[in-house]
């Protein structure tokens, strides 16, 4: 897979991560369990994005700067 394909996949992951931020924000004050679980998922998605970038760089066209 080339960097463009990795980039498309990363964009989708980033969109989900952004939507989860809103969920996390909505539950921050009254539901600490949901807040905590969503924070964990968002952290895992960030690690996923970093791994995707690493794979994209294998063809010297990494998309993350």
PDB file of N, CA and C in Angstrom:
ATOM      1  N   UNK A   1       0.850  -1.172   0.000  1.00  0.00           N
ATOM      2  CA  UNK A   1       0.000   0.000   0.000  1.00  0.00           C
ATOM      3  C   UNK A   1       0.899   1.240   0.000  1.00  0.00           C
ATOM      4  N   UNK A   2       0.501   2.244  -0.749  1.00  0.00           N
ATOM      5  CA  UNK A   2       1.319   3.446  -0.781  1.00  0.00           C
ATOM      6  C   UNK A   2       0.812   4.475   0.236  1.00  0.00           C
ATOM      7  N   UNK A   3       1.510   5.559   0.336  1.00  0.00           N
ATOM      8  CA  UNK A   3       1.211   6.586   1.342  1.00  0.00           C
ATOM      9  C   UNK A   3      -0.183   7.183   1.159  1.00  0.00           C
ATOM     10  N   UNK A   4      -0.646   7.294  -0.069  1.00  0.00           N
ATOM     11  CA  UNK A   4      -1.981   7.859  -0.302  1.00  0.00           C
ATOM     12  C   UNK A   4      -3.063   6.983   0.313  1.00  0.00           C
ATOM     13  N   UNK A   5      -2.912   5.678   0.184  1.00  0.00           N
ATOM     14  CA  UNK A   5      -3.886   4.760   0.770  1.00  0.00           C
ATOM     15  C   UNK A   5      -3.836   4.806   2.294  1.00  0.00           C
ATOM     16  N   UNK A   6      -2.632   4.859   2.846  1.00  0.00           N
ATOM     17  CA  UNK A   6      -2.489   4.985   4.302  1.00  0.00           C
ATOM     18  C   UNK A   6      -3.109   6.290   4.775  1.00  0.00           C
ATOM     19  N   UNK A   7      -2.936   7.329   4.000  1.00  0.00           N
ATOM     20  CA  UNK A   7      -3.475   8.638   4.361  1.00  0.00           C
ATOM     21  C   UNK A   7      -5.006   8.612   4.421  1.00  0.00           C
ATOM     22  N   UNK A   8      -5.627   7.961   3.453  1.00  0.00           N
ATOM     23  CA  UNK A   8      -7.086   7.859   3.455  1.00  0.00           C
ATOM     24  C   UNK A   8      -7.574   7.122   4.704  1.00  0.00           C
ATOM     25  N   UNK A   9      -6.891   6.051   5.041  1.00  0.00           N
ATOM     26  CA  UNK A   9      -7.256   5.293   6.225  1.00  0.00           C
ATOM     27  C   UNK A   9      -7.067   6.145   7.482  1.00  0.00           C
ATOM     28  N   UNK A  10      -5.978   6.860   7.536  1.00  0.00           N
ATOM     29  CA  UNK A  10      -5.690   7.706   8.694  1.00  0.00           C
ATOM     30  C   UNK A  10      -6.729   8.816   8.844  1.00  0.00           C
ATOM     31  N   UNK A  11      -7.187   9.363   7.731  1.00  0.00           N
ATOM     32  CA  UNK A  11      -8.220  10.401   7.785  1.00  0.00           C
ATOM     33  C   UNK A  11      -9.486   9.884   8.450  1.00  0.00           C
ATOM     34  N   UNK A  12      -9.866   8.670   8.136  1.00  0.00           N
ATOM     35  CA  UNK A  12     -11.062   8.079   8.732  1.00  0.00           C
ATOM     36  C   UNK A  12     -10.873   7.852  10.230  1.00  0.00           C
ATOM     37  N   UNK A  13      -9.706   7.363  10.611  1.00  0.00           N
ATOM     38  CA  UNK A  13      -9.414   7.154  12.029  1.00  0.00           C
ATOM     39  C   UNK A  13      -9.437   8.498  12.768  1.00  0.00           C
ATOM     40  N   UNK A  14      -8.870   9.510  12.158  1.00  0.00           N
ATOM     41  CA  UNK A  14      -8.835  10.841  12.776  1.00  0.00           C
ATOM     42  C   UNK A  14     -10.245  11.407  12.933  1.00  0.00           C
ATOM     43  N   UNK A  15     -11.122  11.144  11.976  1.00  0.00           N
ATOM     44  CA  UNK A  15     -12.508  11.613  12.079  1.00  0.00           C
ATOM     45  C   UNK A  15     -13.216  10.966  13.258  1.00  0.00           C
ATOM     46  N   UNK A  16     -13.015   9.676  13.441  1.00  0.00           N
ATOM     47  CA  UNK A  16     -13.619   8.976  14.579  1.00  0.00           C
ATOM     48  C   UNK A  16     -13.069   9.545  15.883  1.00  0.00           C
ATOM     49  N   UNK A  17     -11.768   9.760  15.920  1.00  0.00           N
ATOM     50  CA  UNK A  17     -11.143  10.305  17.131  1.00  0.00           C
ATOM     51  C   UNK A  17     -11.715  11.678  17.473  1.00  0.00           C
ATOM     52  N   UNK A  18     -11.965  12.488  16.469  1.00  0.00           N
ATOM     53  CA  UNK A  18     -12.537  13.820  16.677  1.00  0.00           C
ATOM     54  C   UNK A  18     -13.962  13.719  17.219  1.00  0.00           C
ATOM     55  N   UNK A  19     -14.756  12.812  16.658  1.00  0.00           N
ATOM     56  CA  UNK A  19     -16.124  12.630  17.143  1.00  0.00           C
ATOM     57  C   UNK A  19     -16.129  12.145  18.593  1.00  0.00           C
ATOM     58  N   UNK A  20     -15.197  11.280  18.926  1.00  0.00           N
ATOM     59  CA  UNK A  20     -15.116  10.784  20.299  1.00  0.00           C
ATOM     60  C   UNK A  20     -14.736  11.891  21.279  1.00  0.00           C
ATOM     61  N   UNK A  21     -14.009  12.883  20.811  1.00  0.00           N
ATOM     62  CA  UNK A  21     -13.671  14.014  21.673  1.00  0.00           C
ATOM     63  C   UNK A  21     -14.944  14.704  22.161  1.00  0.00           C
ATOM     64  N   UNK A  22     -15.909  14.862  21.263  1.00  0.00           N
ATOM     65  CA  UNK A  22     -17.180  15.486  21.636  1.00  0.00           C
ATOM     66  C   UNK A  22     -17.904  14.636  22.683  1.00  0.00           C
ATOM     67  N   UNK A  23     -17.911  13.326  22.502  1.00  0.00           N
ATOM     68  CA  UNK A  23     -18.533  12.422  23.472  1.00  0.00           C
ATOM     69  C   UNK A  23     -17.832  12.560  24.821  1.00  0.00           C
ATOM     70  N   UNK A  24     -16.521  12.573  24.780  1.00  0.00           N
ATOM     71  CA  UNK A  24     -15.732  12.699  26.009  1.00  0.00           C
ATOM     72  C   UNK A  24     -16.044  14.014  26.710  1.00  0.00           C
ATOM     73  N   UNK A  25     -16.117  15.069  25.949  1.00  0.00           N
ATOM     74  CA  UNK A  25     -16.413  16.396  26.497  1.00  0.00           C
ATOM     75  C   UNK A  25     -17.805  16.425  27.143  1.00  0.00           C
ATOM     76  N   UNK A  26     -18.780  15.802  26.503  1.00  0.00           N
ATOM     77  CA  UNK A  26     -20.151  15.775  27.008  1.00  0.00           C
ATOM     78  C   UNK A  26     -20.279  15.024  28.332  1.00  0.00           C
ATOM     79  N   UNK A  27     -19.406  14.054  28.573  1.00  0.00           N
ATOM     80  CA  UNK A  27     -19.496  13.221  29.772  1.00  0.00           C
ATOM     81  C   UNK A  27     -18.486  13.602  30.855  1.00  0.00           C
ATOM     82  N   UNK A  28     -17.713  14.617  30.615  1.00  0.00           N
ATOM     83  CA  UNK A  28     -16.613  14.972  31.509  1.00  0.00           C
ATOM     84  C   UNK A  28     -17.060  15.203  32.950  1.00  0.00           C
ATOM     85  N   UNK A  29     -18.149  15.905  33.148  1.00  0.00           N
ATOM     86  CA  UNK A  29     -18.534  16.311  34.499  1.00  0.00           C
ATOM     87  C   UNK A  29     -19.409  15.306  35.237  1.00  0.00           C
ATOM     88  N   UNK A  30     -20.197  14.497  34.505  1.00  0.00           N
ATOM     89  CA  UNK A  30     -21.163  13.678  35.226  1.00  0.00           C
ATOM     90  C   UNK A  30     -20.991  12.169  35.070  1.00  0.00           C
ATOM     91  N   UNK A  31     -20.179  11.707  34.158  1.00  0.00           N
ATOM     92  CA  UNK A  31     -20.002  10.262  33.974  1.00  0.00           C
ATOM     93  C   UNK A  31     -18.527   9.960  33.758  1.00  0.00           C
ATOM     94  N   UNK A  32     -17.825   9.798  34.852  1.00  0.00           N
ATOM     95  CA  UNK A  32     -16.375   9.613  34.761  1.00  0.00           C
ATOM     96  C   UNK A  32     -15.983   8.294  34.100  1.00  0.00           C
ATOM     97  N   UNK A  33     -16.836   7.278  34.197  1.00  0.00           N
ATOM     98  CA  UNK A  33     -16.502   6.000  33.570  1.00  0.00           C
ATOM     99  C   UNK A  33     -16.511   6.128  32.043  1.00  0.00           C
ATOM    100  N   UNK A  34     -17.556   6.755  31.492  1.00  0.00           N
ATOM    101  CA  UNK A  34     -17.616   6.970  30.040  1.00  0.00           C
ATOM    102  C   UNK A  34     -16.448   7.849  29.612  1.00  0.00           C
ATOM    103  N   UNK A  35     -16.205   8.910  30.353  1.00  0.00           N
ATOM    104  CA  UNK A  35     -15.097   9.823  30.047  1.00  0.00           C
ATOM    105  C   UNK A  35     -13.781   9.051  29.981  1.00  0.00           C
ATOM    106  N   UNK A  36     -13.552   8.221  30.967  1.00  0.00           N
ATOM    107  CA  UNK A  36     -12.305   7.462  31.043  1.00  0.00           C
ATOM    108  C   UNK A  36     -12.170   6.465  29.896  1.00  0.00           C
ATOM    109  N   UNK A  37     -13.246   5.756  29.593  1.00  0.00           N
ATOM    110  CA  UNK A  37     -13.201   4.771  28.511  1.00  0.00           C
ATOM    111  C   UNK A  37     -12.987   5.439  27.154  1.00  0.00           C
ATOM    112  N   UNK A  38     -13.658   6.543  26.924  1.00  0.00           N
ATOM    113  CA  UNK A  38     -13.497   7.258  25.660  1.00  0.00           C
ATOM    114  C   UNK A  38     -12.083   7.827  25.556  1.00  0.00           C
ATOM    115  N   UNK A  39     -11.547   8.316  26.665  1.00  0.00           N
ATOM    116  CA  UNK A  39     -10.164   8.818  26.663  1.00  0.00           C
ATOM    117  C   UNK A  39      -9.196   7.699  26.273  1.00  0.00           C
ATOM    118  N   UNK A  40      -9.443   6.497  26.793  1.00  0.00           N
ATOM    119  CA  UNK A  40      -8.597   5.351  26.455  1.00  0.00           C
ATOM    120  C   UNK A  40      -8.684   5.030  24.963  1.00  0.00           C
ATOM    121  N   UNK A  41      -9.901   5.001  24.427  1.00  0.00           N
ATOM    122  CA  UNK A  41     -10.091   4.724  22.995  1.00  0.00           C
ATOM    123  C   UNK A  41      -9.386   5.780  22.152  1.00  0.00           C
ATOM    124  N   UNK A  42      -9.526   7.048  22.540  1.00  0.00           N
ATOM    125  CA  UNK A  42      -8.882   8.127  21.787  1.00  0.00           C
ATOM    126  C   UNK A  42      -7.365   7.973  21.817  1.00  0.00           C
ATOM    127  N   UNK A  43      -6.820   7.547  22.946  1.00  0.00           N
ATOM    128  CA  UNK A  43      -5.363   7.331  23.052  1.00  0.00           C
ATOM    129  C   UNK A  43      -4.931   6.203  22.114  1.00  0.00           C
ATOM    130  N   UNK A  44      -5.708   5.127  22.074  1.00  0.00           N
ATOM    131  CA  UNK A  44      -5.381   4.006  21.189  1.00  0.00           C
ATOM    132  C   UNK A  44      -5.465   4.433  19.719  1.00  0.00           C
ATOM    133  N   UNK A  45      -6.438   5.271  19.397  1.00  0.00           N
ATOM    134  CA  UNK A  45      -6.536   5.762  18.020  1.00  0.00           C
ATOM    135  C   UNK A  45      -5.346   6.648  17.659  1.00  0.00           C
ATOM    136  N   UNK A  46      -4.864   7.428  18.627  1.00  0.00           N
ATOM    137  CA  UNK A  46      -3.673   8.243  18.370  1.00  0.00           C
ATOM    138  C   UNK A  46      -2.468   7.348  18.087  1.00  0.00           C
ATOM    139  N   UNK A  47      -2.322   6.289  18.864  1.00  0.00           N
ATOM    140  CA  UNK A  47      -1.232   5.344  18.618  1.00  0.00           C
ATOM    141  C   UNK A  47      -1.392   4.679  17.247  1.00  0.00           C
ATOM    142  N   UNK A  48      -2.626   4.410  16.858  1.00  0.00           N
ATOM    143  CA  UNK A  48      -2.900   3.850  15.534  1.00  0.00           C
ATOM    144  C   UNK A  48      -2.470   4.814  14.439  1.00  0.00           C
ATOM    145  N   UNK A  49      -2.803   6.091  14.618  1.00  0.00           N
ATOM    146  CA  UNK A  49      -2.391   7.097  13.639  1.00  0.00           C
ATOM    147  C   UNK A  49      -0.872   7.183  13.518  1.00  0.00           C
ATOM    148  N   UNK A  50      -0.190   7.096  14.644  1.00  0.00           N
ATOM    149  CA  UNK A  50       1.276   7.141  14.608  1.00  0.00           C
ATOM    150  C   UNK A  50       1.840   5.936  13.872  1.00  0.00           C
ATOM    151  N   UNK A  51       1.232   4.774  14.072  1.00  0.00           N
ATOM    152  CA  UNK A  51       1.680   3.565  13.368  1.00  0.00           C
ATOM    153  C   UNK A  51       1.407   3.661  11.880  1.00  0.00           C
ATOM    154  N   UNK A  52       0.246   4.189  11.515  1.00  0.00           N
ATOM    155  CA  UNK A  52      -0.072   4.374  10.097  1.00  0.00           C
ATOM    156  C   UNK A  52       0.956   5.301   9.456  1.00  0.00           C
ATOM    157  N   UNK A  53       1.319   6.357  10.147  1.00  0.00           N
ATOM    158  CA  UNK A  53       2.324   7.275   9.618  1.00  0.00           C
ATOM    159  C   UNK A  53       3.653   6.561   9.407  1.00  0.00           C
ATOM    160  N   UNK A  54       4.012   5.727  10.356  1.00  0.00           N
ATOM    161  CA  UNK A  54       5.259   4.971  10.232  1.00  0.00           C
ATOM    162  C   UNK A  54       5.229   4.078   8.988  1.00  0.00           C
ATOM    163  N   UNK A  55       4.108   3.414   8.768  1.00  0.00           N
ATOM    164  CA  UNK A  55       3.983   2.561   7.584  1.00  0.00           C
ATOM    165  C   UNK A  55       3.998   3.383   6.305  1.00  0.00           C
ATOM    166  N   UNK A  56       3.362   4.544   6.320  1.00  0.00           N
ATOM    167  CA  UNK A  56       3.351   5.402   5.135  1.00  0.00           C
ATOM    168  C   UNK A  56       4.749   5.898   4.798  1.00  0.00           C
ATOM    169  N   UNK A  57       5.561   6.124   5.794  1.00  0.00           N
ATOM    170  CA  UNK A  57       6.923   6.622   5.555  1.00  0.00           C
ATOM    171  C   UNK A  57       7.819   5.572   4.912  1.00  0.00           C
ATOM    172  N   UNK A  58       7.421   4.331   4.949  1.00  0.00           N
ATOM    173  CA  UNK A  58       8.234   3.289   4.327  1.00  0.00           C
ATOM    174  C   UNK A  58       8.403   3.523   2.837  1.00  0.00           C
ATOM    175  N   UNK A  59       7.480   4.255   2.233  1.00  0.00           N
ATOM    176  CA  UNK A  59       7.678   4.592   0.822  1.00  0.00           C
ATOM    177  C   UNK A  59       8.135   6.042   0.679  1.00  0.00           C
ATOM    178  N   UNK A  60       8.689   6.584   1.761  1.00  0.00           N
ATOM    179  CA  UNK A  60       9.250   7.945   1.802  1.00  0.00           C
ATOM    180  C   UNK A  60       8.229   9.049   1.525  1.00  0.00           C
ATOM    181  N   UNK A  61       6.955   8.763   1.786  1.00  0.00           N
ATOM    182  CA  UNK A  61       5.922   9.757   1.566  1.00  0.00           C
ATOM    183  C   UNK A  61       5.008   9.853   2.778  1.00  0.00           C
ATOM    184  N   UNK A  62       5.569   9.783   3.961  1.00  0.00           N
ATOM    185  CA  UNK A  62       4.757   9.894   5.163  1.00  0.00           C
ATOM    186  C   UNK A  62       3.907  11.152   5.122  1.00  0.00           C
ATOM    187  N   UNK A  63       2.703  11.043   5.603  1.00  0.00           N
ATOM    188  CA  UNK A  63       1.745  12.150   5.491  1.00  0.00           C
ATOM    189  C   UNK A  63       1.754  13.054   6.706  1.00  0.00           C
ATOM    190  N   UNK A  64       2.228  12.584   7.856  1.00  0.00           N
ATOM    191  CA  UNK A  64       2.251  13.399   9.075  1.00  0.00           C
ATOM    192  C   UNK A  64       3.524  14.228   9.103  1.00  0.00           C
ATOM    193  N   UNK A  65       3.385  15.474   9.429  1.00  0.00           N
ATOM    194  CA  UNK A  65       4.583  16.331   9.498  1.00  0.00           C
ATOM    195  C   UNK A  65       4.868  16.688  10.935  1.00  0.00           C
TER     196      UNK A  65
END
